[in-house]
C-alpha cells in the first residue's frame, strides 16, 4: 500500500504562486516570494522568499511569473518608442494608432519602418503610409542628430584653431638660448 508521499507528481496537486512582496517588511518589499498551498486546505499555506530550488521545482509557475513581471515592467527594447514619435511628430501618429500598434505588438518606430507587407496588412489600409511616415521620421531624426554632431565638431575645431594661433603668437622666433649650467 503506497504512502501519500509516494504519489507520483505530487507537486502537480499544489497551488503555487510567485509574487512580489509589498507592505510586509521594508527588508522584504520588492523581493519575489512564493506561496504554496494545497487547494481546499486553508491551514497549510507556505509563504517564503524564492530560492533556487523553488525555481527548479516549479518551472512553469516561475516562467509565468517572469513573463508577467516583464509585461508589467515593460520590456527593454532598443529603438525609438512610439510615444516619443507621437510627441515629436504628432501629425504622423494618433493615440489610437499607438493603441492599435501595441495590440499588434509593435513597440518601436524602427519595427514599423522595417515591417513587411504581410505585417502591414494586419494594421489595415493605412499600414503602408504609416511605414513611410516612420521611415521619414527616422531619416529626419538621423539628419538632425548628425547636424548637431557636426556643429559640435565645428565648434571644437574653431576653439582649437584659436588656441593654436595664441600659442604661435606667444612664441618667439628662432632657437631658444642655451642656459649655462654652472
C-alpha atoms as a PDB file:
ATOM      1  CA  UNK A   1       0.000   0.000   0.000  1.00  0.00           C
ATOM      2  CA  UNK A   2       1.624   3.308  -1.128  1.00  0.00           C
ATOM      3  CA  UNK A   3       2.003   6.212   1.226  1.00  0.00           C
ATOM      4  CA  UNK A   4       0.646   9.707   0.451  1.00  0.00           C
ATOM      5  CA  UNK A   5       4.210  10.848  -0.111  1.00  0.00           C
ATOM      6  CA  UNK A   6       4.610   8.190  -2.825  1.00  0.00           C
ATOM      7  CA  UNK A   7       2.018   9.829  -5.086  1.00  0.00           C
ATOM      8  CA  UNK A   8       3.644  10.441  -8.473  1.00  0.00           C
ATOM      9  CA  UNK A   9       3.775  14.128  -9.492  1.00  0.00           C
ATOM     10  CA  UNK A  10       2.632  15.283  -6.064  1.00  0.00           C
ATOM     11  CA  UNK A  11       3.658  18.855  -6.885  1.00  0.00           C
ATOM     12  CA  UNK A  12       1.019  18.947  -9.629  1.00  0.00           C
ATOM     13  CA  UNK A  13      -1.666  18.903  -6.922  1.00  0.00           C
ATOM     14  CA  UNK A  14      -0.264  22.012  -5.201  1.00  0.00           C
ATOM     15  CA  UNK A  15      -1.307  25.559  -5.898  1.00  0.00           C
ATOM     16  CA  UNK A  16       1.915  27.546  -6.427  1.00  0.00           C
ATOM     17  CA  UNK A  17       2.030  31.290  -6.914  1.00  0.00           C
ATOM     18  CA  UNK A  18       5.067  33.562  -7.215  1.00  0.00           C
ATOM     19  CA  UNK A  19       4.568  37.215  -6.272  1.00  0.00           C
ATOM     20  CA  UNK A  20       6.396  40.386  -5.261  1.00  0.00           C
ATOM     21  CA  UNK A  21       6.160  41.237  -1.555  1.00  0.00           C
ATOM     22  CA  UNK A  22       4.548  44.592  -0.805  1.00  0.00           C
ATOM     23  CA  UNK A  23       3.890  46.342   2.521  1.00  0.00           C
ATOM     24  CA  UNK A  24       5.215  43.400   4.540  1.00  0.00           C
ATOM     25  CA  UNK A  25       8.554  44.420   5.959  1.00  0.00           C
ATOM     26  CA  UNK A  26      10.909  47.029   4.492  1.00  0.00           C
ATOM     27  CA  UNK A  27      13.674  44.455   4.070  1.00  0.00           C
ATOM     28  CA  UNK A  28      11.366  42.173   2.013  1.00  0.00           C
ATOM     29  CA  UNK A  29       9.442  44.762  -0.024  1.00  0.00           C
ATOM     30  CA  UNK A  30      10.042  44.315  -3.737  1.00  0.00           C
ATOM     31  CA  UNK A  31      11.531  40.815  -3.341  1.00  0.00           C
ATOM     32  CA  UNK A  32       9.997  37.755  -5.047  1.00  0.00           C
ATOM     33  CA  UNK A  33       8.116  35.347  -2.791  1.00  0.00           C
ATOM     34  CA  UNK A  34       6.419  32.012  -3.354  1.00  0.00           C
ATOM     35  CA  UNK A  35       3.068  30.932  -1.913  1.00  0.00           C
ATOM     36  CA  UNK A  36       2.465  27.164  -1.835  1.00  0.00           C
ATOM     37  CA  UNK A  37      -0.720  25.582  -0.581  1.00  0.00           C
ATOM     38  CA  UNK A  38      -2.923  22.544  -1.022  1.00  0.00           C
ATOM     39  CA  UNK A  39      -6.234  23.522  -2.611  1.00  0.00           C
ATOM     40  CA  UNK A  40      -9.026  23.207  -0.049  1.00  0.00           C
ATOM     41  CA  UNK A  41      -6.705  23.310   2.960  1.00  0.00           C
ATOM     42  CA  UNK A  42      -6.503  26.802   4.496  1.00  0.00           C
ATOM     43  CA  UNK A  43      -4.135  25.693   7.243  1.00  0.00           C
ATOM     44  CA  UNK A  44      -1.205  24.644   5.065  1.00  0.00           C
ATOM     45  CA  UNK A  45      -0.127  27.842   3.311  1.00  0.00           C
ATOM     46  CA  UNK A  46       3.614  28.400   2.985  1.00  0.00           C
ATOM     47  CA  UNK A  47       4.939  31.847   2.027  1.00  0.00           C
ATOM     48  CA  UNK A  48       8.670  32.398   1.816  1.00  0.00           C
ATOM     49  CA  UNK A  49      11.316  34.181  -0.245  1.00  0.00           C
ATOM     50  CA  UNK A  50      12.065  32.487  -3.544  1.00  0.00           C
ATOM     51  CA  UNK A  51      15.064  30.178  -3.573  1.00  0.00           C
ATOM     52  CA  UNK A  52      16.739  28.416  -6.495  1.00  0.00           C
ATOM     53  CA  UNK A  53      15.096  25.105  -5.583  1.00  0.00           C
ATOM     54  CA  UNK A  54      11.638  26.732  -5.905  1.00  0.00           C
ATOM     55  CA  UNK A  55      12.508  27.825  -9.456  1.00  0.00           C
ATOM     56  CA  UNK A  56      13.673  24.306 -10.329  1.00  0.00           C
ATOM     57  CA  UNK A  57      10.736  22.582  -8.606  1.00  0.00           C
ATOM     58  CA  UNK A  58       8.038  24.776 -10.182  1.00  0.00           C
ATOM     59  CA  UNK A  59       9.497  25.875 -13.553  1.00  0.00           C
ATOM     60  CA  UNK A  60       6.144  26.558 -15.268  1.00  0.00           C
ATOM     61  CA  UNK A  61       4.905  28.831 -12.492  1.00  0.00           C
ATOM     62  CA  UNK A  62       8.279  30.612 -12.311  1.00  0.00           C
ATOM     63  CA  UNK A  63       8.270  31.203 -16.079  1.00  0.00           C
ATOM     64  CA  UNK A  64       4.708  32.556 -15.886  1.00  0.00           C
ATOM     65  CA  UNK A  65       5.756  34.904 -13.064  1.00  0.00           C
ATOM     66  CA  UNK A  66       8.743  36.172 -15.070  1.00  0.00           C
ATOM     67  CA  UNK A  67       6.597  36.781 -18.150  1.00  0.00           C
ATOM     68  CA  UNK A  68       4.015  38.646 -16.084  1.00  0.00           C
ATOM     69  CA  UNK A  69       6.737  40.782 -14.466  1.00  0.00           C
ATOM     70  CA  UNK A  70       8.313  41.667 -17.807  1.00  0.00           C
ATOM     71  CA  UNK A  71       4.910  42.807 -19.088  1.00  0.00           C
ATOM     72  CA  UNK A  72       4.395  44.990 -16.001  1.00  0.00           C
ATOM     73  CA  UNK A  73       7.878  46.495 -16.078  1.00  0.00           C
ATOM     74  CA  UNK A  74       7.877  46.870 -19.805  1.00  0.00           C
ATOM     75  CA  UNK A  75      10.367  45.063 -21.928  1.00  0.00           C
ATOM     76  CA  UNK A  76      13.769  46.550 -22.598  1.00  0.00           C
ATOM     77  CA  UNK A  77      13.500  47.428 -26.252  1.00  0.00           C
ATOM     78  CA  UNK A  78      16.095  49.097 -28.417  1.00  0.00           C
ATOM     79  CA  UNK A  79      14.809  51.846 -30.630  1.00  0.00           C
ATOM     80  CA  UNK A  80      12.580  54.895 -30.578  1.00  0.00           C
ATOM     81  CA  UNK A  81       9.342  54.376 -28.665  1.00  0.00           C
ATOM     82  CA  UNK A  82       6.001  55.137 -30.293  1.00  0.00           C
ATOM     83  CA  UNK A  83       5.278  57.716 -27.575  1.00  0.00           C
ATOM     84  CA  UNK A  84       8.465  59.598 -28.458  1.00  0.00           C
ATOM     85  CA  UNK A  85       7.416  59.614 -32.111  1.00  0.00           C
ATOM     86  CA  UNK A  86       3.987  60.960 -31.156  1.00  0.00           C
ATOM     87  CA  UNK A  87       5.411  63.772 -29.001  1.00  0.00           C
ATOM     88  CA  UNK A  88       7.983  64.805 -31.629  1.00  0.00           C
ATOM     89  CA  UNK A  89       5.656  64.446 -34.661  1.00  0.00           C
ATOM     90  CA  UNK A  90       2.010  64.470 -33.521  1.00  0.00           C
ATOM     91  CA  UNK A  91       0.802  64.812 -37.124  1.00  0.00           C
ATOM     92  CA  UNK A  92       2.274  61.383 -38.002  1.00  0.00           C
ATOM     93  CA  UNK A  93       0.641  59.283 -35.290  1.00  0.00           C
ATOM     94  CA  UNK A  94      -2.531  59.447 -33.198  1.00  0.00           C
ATOM     95  CA  UNK A  95      -3.173  57.958 -29.787  1.00  0.00           C
ATOM     96  CA  UNK A  96      -5.490  55.425 -31.437  1.00  0.00           C
ATOM     97  CA  UNK A  97      -2.679  54.358 -33.763  1.00  0.00           C
ATOM     98  CA  UNK A  98      -0.428  53.736 -30.777  1.00  0.00           C
ATOM     99  CA  UNK A  99      -3.045  51.590 -29.041  1.00  0.00           C
ATOM    100  CA  UNK A 100      -3.677  49.591 -32.209  1.00  0.00           C
ATOM    101  CA  UNK A 101       0.048  49.100 -32.785  1.00  0.00           C
ATOM    102  CA  UNK A 102       0.518  47.948 -29.177  1.00  0.00           C
ATOM    103  CA  UNK A 103      -2.149  45.285 -29.706  1.00  0.00           C
ATOM    104  CA  UNK A 104      -0.226  44.107 -32.760  1.00  0.00           C
ATOM    105  CA  UNK A 105       2.977  44.076 -30.629  1.00  0.00           C
ATOM    106  CA  UNK A 106       4.728  46.941 -32.448  1.00  0.00           C
ATOM    107  CA  UNK A 107       6.727  48.875 -29.858  1.00  0.00           C
ATOM    108  CA  UNK A 108       9.250  50.991 -31.753  1.00  0.00           C
ATOM    109  CA  UNK A 109       9.314  53.228 -34.814  1.00  0.00           C
ATOM    110  CA  UNK A 110      12.109  51.062 -36.230  1.00  0.00           C
ATOM    111  CA  UNK A 111       9.841  47.988 -36.112  1.00  0.00           C
ATOM    112  CA  UNK A 112       7.192  49.815 -38.139  1.00  0.00           C
ATOM    113  CA  UNK A 113       9.718  51.172 -40.642  1.00  0.00           C
ATOM    114  CA  UNK A 114      11.088  47.655 -41.213  1.00  0.00           C
ATOM    115  CA  UNK A 115       7.686  45.896 -41.265  1.00  0.00           C
ATOM    116  CA  UNK A 116       6.875  43.580 -44.157  1.00  0.00           C
ATOM    117  CA  UNK A 117       3.803  43.983 -46.355  1.00  0.00           C
ATOM    118  CA  UNK A 118       2.225  40.995 -44.614  1.00  0.00           C
ATOM    119  CA  UNK A 119       2.664  42.649 -41.213  1.00  0.00           C
ATOM    120  CA  UNK A 120       1.228  45.909 -42.561  1.00  0.00           C
ATOM    121  CA  UNK A 121      -1.913  44.117 -43.785  1.00  0.00           C
ATOM    122  CA  UNK A 122      -2.812  43.457 -40.151  1.00  0.00           C
ATOM    123  CA  UNK A 123      -2.662  47.201 -39.446  1.00  0.00           C
ATOM    124  CA  UNK A 124      -5.186  47.909 -42.167  1.00  0.00           C
ATOM    125  CA  UNK A 125      -5.445  50.315 -45.070  1.00  0.00           C
ATOM    126  CA  UNK A 126      -3.152  52.930 -43.557  1.00  0.00           C
ATOM    127  CA  UNK A 127      -0.307  50.457 -42.967  1.00  0.00           C
ATOM    128  CA  UNK A 128       1.939  51.282 -45.945  1.00  0.00           C
ATOM    129  CA  UNK A 129       1.540  55.019 -45.346  1.00  0.00           C
ATOM    130  CA  UNK A 130       2.409  54.543 -41.679  1.00  0.00           C
ATOM    131  CA  UNK A 131       5.564  52.673 -42.674  1.00  0.00           C
ATOM    132  CA  UNK A 132       6.588  55.537 -44.981  1.00  0.00           C
ATOM    133  CA  UNK A 133       5.921  58.131 -42.243  1.00  0.00           C
ATOM    134  CA  UNK A 134       8.032  56.046 -39.835  1.00  0.00           C
ATOM    135  CA  UNK A 135      10.907  55.930 -42.352  1.00  0.00           C
ATOM    136  CA  UNK A 136      10.648  59.688 -42.943  1.00  0.00           C
ATOM    137  CA  UNK A 137      10.650  60.363 -39.177  1.00  0.00           C
ATOM    138  CA  UNK A 138      13.753  58.214 -38.674  1.00  0.00           C
ATOM    139  CA  UNK A 139      15.511  59.982 -41.576  1.00  0.00           C
ATOM    140  CA  UNK A 140      14.684  63.413 -40.091  1.00  0.00           C
ATOM    141  CA  UNK A 141      15.854  62.300 -36.672  1.00  0.00           C
ATOM    142  CA  UNK A 142      19.116  60.876 -38.043  1.00  0.00           C
ATOM    143  CA  UNK A 143      19.795  64.030 -40.061  1.00  0.00           C
ATOM    144  CA  UNK A 144      19.147  66.308 -37.083  1.00  0.00           C
ATOM    145  CA  UNK A 145      21.410  64.212 -34.827  1.00  0.00           C
ATOM    146  CA  UNK A 146      24.148  64.286 -37.478  1.00  0.00           C
ATOM    147  CA  UNK A 147      23.765  68.076 -37.805  1.00  0.00           C
ATOM    148  CA  UNK A 148      24.117  68.558 -34.042  1.00  0.00           C
ATOM    149  CA  UNK A 149      27.239  66.392 -34.048  1.00  0.00           C
ATOM    150  CA  UNK A 150      28.678  68.331 -36.996  1.00  0.00           C
ATOM    151  CA  UNK A 151      28.020  71.659 -35.260  1.00  0.00           C
ATOM    152  CA  UNK A 152      29.787  70.440 -32.106  1.00  0.00           C
ATOM    153  CA  UNK A 153      32.781  69.292 -34.151  1.00  0.00           C
ATOM    154  CA  UNK A 154      32.983  72.678 -35.935  1.00  0.00           C
ATOM    155  CA  UNK A 155      32.865  74.491 -32.595  1.00  0.00           C
ATOM    156  CA  UNK A 156      35.692  72.326 -31.198  1.00  0.00           C
ATOM    157  CA  UNK A 157      37.767  72.925 -34.333  1.00  0.00           C
ATOM    158  CA  UNK A 158      37.330  76.709 -34.023  1.00  0.00           C
ATOM    159  CA  UNK A 159      38.392  76.566 -30.354  1.00  0.00           C
ATOM    160  CA  UNK A 160      41.500  74.533 -31.241  1.00  0.00           C
ATOM    161  CA  UNK A 161      42.393  76.937 -34.051  1.00  0.00           C
ATOM    162  CA  UNK A 162      42.072  79.891 -31.654  1.00  0.00           C
ATOM    163  CA  UNK A 163      44.307  78.153 -29.097  1.00  0.00           C
ATOM    164  CA  UNK A 164      46.871  77.322 -31.789  1.00  0.00           C
ATOM    165  CA  UNK A 165      47.019  80.921 -33.042  1.00  0.00           C
ATOM    166  CA  UNK A 166      47.509  82.158 -29.443  1.00  0.00           C
ATOM    167  CA  UNK A 167      50.390  79.739 -28.947  1.00  0.00           C
ATOM    168  CA  UNK A 168      52.012  80.748 -32.226  1.00  0.00           C
ATOM    169  CA  UNK A 169      51.653  84.450 -31.395  1.00  0.00           C
ATOM    170  CA  UNK A 170      53.287  83.984 -27.978  1.00  0.00           C
ATOM    171  CA  UNK A 171      56.221  82.026 -29.423  1.00  0.00           C
ATOM    172  CA  UNK A 172      59.407  83.915 -30.201  1.00  0.00           C
ATOM    173  CA  UNK A 173      61.116  83.129 -33.477  1.00  0.00           C
ATOM    174  CA  UNK A 174      64.404  81.260 -33.502  1.00  0.00           C
ATOM    175  CA  UNK A 175      66.067  78.713 -31.329  1.00  0.00           C
ATOM    176  CA  UNK A 176      65.923  79.118 -27.535  1.00  0.00           C
ATOM    177  CA  UNK A 177      69.219  80.254 -25.938  1.00  0.00           C
ATOM    178  CA  UNK A 178      71.253  77.768 -24.001  1.00  0.00           C
ATOM    179  CA  UNK A 179      71.380  78.282 -20.304  1.00  0.00           C
ATOM    180  CA  UNK A 180      74.817  77.784 -18.845  1.00  0.00           C
ATOM    181  CA  UNK A 181      74.947  75.243 -16.104  1.00  0.00           C
ATOM    182  CA  UNK A 182      77.377  76.114 -13.547  1.00  0.00           C
END
